[in-house]
Amino acid sequence: MSQELSAYVAFYGTAVSIIRPAIIAALLIGLWAALRRTDLPPATRTRTWLAVALPLVAWFASSGTSPPQAHSKHAQAHCHSCRSPLCFPLSSRCRC
């Protein structure tokens, strides 16, 4: 894997491990704020929030949220069309 791609994958992995949980937290905080503005009794607000929060967090935890990893020094991405290493359609390096 090229040095540039390895650096990008490392950066992406770090960014994703911070951004995805932050998105979940922002959604749940926003839901709580919205529920507080309703006329629902506190117990109903809490049950409603938990009915959304628990499945969302369980899905997030079990959905394979790990970012891509550089497995090997010799691993390379290949174009699905022309099998060229690190080829992206419509790029100057693509032979598609």
Protein backbone atom coordinates (compact mmCIF):
# COMPACT_ATOMS: atom_id res chain seq x y z
CA MET A 1 0.00 0.00 0.00
CA SER A 2 1.37 3.40 -0.86
CA GLN A 3 2.48 5.75 1.90
CA GLU A 4 -0.17 8.32 0.94
CA LEU A 5 -2.96 5.77 1.04
CA SER A 6 -1.76 4.41 4.39
CA ALA A 7 -1.76 7.91 5.83
CA TYR A 8 -5.28 8.55 4.50
CA VAL A 9 -6.62 5.28 5.89
CA ALA A 10 -5.10 6.06 9.30
CA PHE A 11 -6.60 9.58 9.27
CA TYR A 12 -9.98 8.28 8.09
CA GLY A 13 -10.02 5.63 10.81
CA THR A 14 -9.29 8.19 13.49
CA ALA A 15 -11.86 10.65 12.16
CA VAL A 16 -14.59 8.03 11.86
CA SER A 17 -13.97 6.70 15.36
CA ILE A 18 -14.64 10.22 16.68
CA ILE A 19 -17.33 11.49 14.30
CA ARG A 20 -19.72 8.51 14.28
CA PRO A 21 -20.21 8.40 18.07
CA ALA A 22 -20.53 12.20 18.08
CA ILE A 23 -23.34 11.97 15.53
CA ILE A 24 -25.18 9.38 17.65
CA ALA A 25 -24.73 11.54 20.75
CA ALA A 26 -25.98 14.66 18.93
CA LEU A 27 -29.07 12.80 17.71
CA LEU A 28 -29.90 11.53 21.18
CA ILE A 29 -29.30 14.91 22.81
CA GLY A 30 -31.51 16.54 20.18
CA LEU A 31 -34.23 13.98 20.77
CA TRP A 32 -34.08 14.58 24.52
CA ALA A 33 -34.31 18.35 23.99
CA ALA A 34 -37.28 17.91 21.66
CA LEU A 35 -39.06 15.59 24.07
CA ARG A 36 -38.60 18.07 26.93
CA ARG A 37 -40.57 20.64 24.91
CA THR A 38 -43.61 18.36 24.71
CA ASP A 39 -46.45 18.08 27.21
CA LEU A 40 -45.69 14.42 27.88
CA PRO A 41 -45.23 13.28 31.47
CA PRO A 42 -41.57 12.74 32.46
CA ALA A 43 -41.95 8.94 32.60
CA THR A 44 -43.35 8.84 29.07
CA ARG A 45 -40.57 11.11 27.79
CA THR A 46 -37.96 8.83 29.33
CA ARG A 47 -39.57 5.68 27.90
CA THR A 48 -39.83 7.28 24.46
CA TRP A 49 -36.19 8.39 24.54
CA LEU A 50 -35.07 4.92 25.67
CA ALA A 51 -37.20 3.30 22.95
CA VAL A 52 -35.11 5.19 20.39
CA ALA A 53 -31.74 5.34 22.19
CA LEU A 54 -31.35 1.68 23.11
CA PRO A 55 -31.92 0.22 19.62
CA LEU A 56 -29.83 3.00 18.04
CA VAL A 57 -26.87 2.43 20.35
CA ALA A 58 -27.21 -1.36 20.05
CA TRP A 59 -27.23 -1.08 16.26
CA PHE A 60 -24.23 1.22 16.32
CA ALA A 61 -22.29 -1.09 18.62
CA SER A 62 -23.05 -4.21 16.59
CA SER A 63 -23.00 -2.87 13.04
CA GLY A 64 -19.32 -3.34 12.40
CA THR A 65 -18.49 0.30 12.72
CA SER A 66 -14.76 -0.23 12.68
CA PRO A 67 -13.04 1.91 10.06
CA PRO A 68 -10.96 0.35 7.30
CA GLN A 69 -7.54 -0.81 8.35
CA ALA A 70 -4.32 -1.18 6.43
CA HIS A 71 -3.86 -4.94 6.80
CA SER A 72 -0.61 -5.46 5.04
CA LYS A 73 2.23 -3.53 3.53
CA HIS A 74 1.61 -5.40 0.28
CA ALA A 75 -2.18 -5.01 0.16
CA GLN A 76 -3.44 -2.78 -2.62
CA ALA A 77 -6.82 -1.58 -3.76
CA HIS A 78 -7.73 -2.54 -7.31
CA CYS A 79 -10.20 -1.17 -9.80
CA HIS A 80 -13.12 -3.57 -10.26
CA SER A 81 -13.13 -2.93 -14.01
CA CYS A 82 -9.52 -3.01 -15.13
CA ARG A 83 -7.81 -4.43 -11.99
CA SER A 84 -5.31 -1.56 -12.05
CA PRO A 85 -3.87 -0.75 -8.59
CA LEU A 86 -5.47 2.31 -7.03
CA CYS A 87 -7.44 3.07 -10.19
CA PHE A 88 -10.48 5.27 -9.92
CA PRO A 89 -12.89 5.66 -12.85
CA LEU A 90 -12.47 8.90 -14.78
CA SER A 91 -9.01 9.50 -13.31
CA SER A 92 -5.89 9.86 -15.41
CA ARG A 93 -4.55 6.60 -13.98
CA CYS A 94 -7.60 4.55 -14.90
CA ARG A 95 -7.42 2.23 -17.87
CA CYS A 96 -11.16 1.59 -17.91
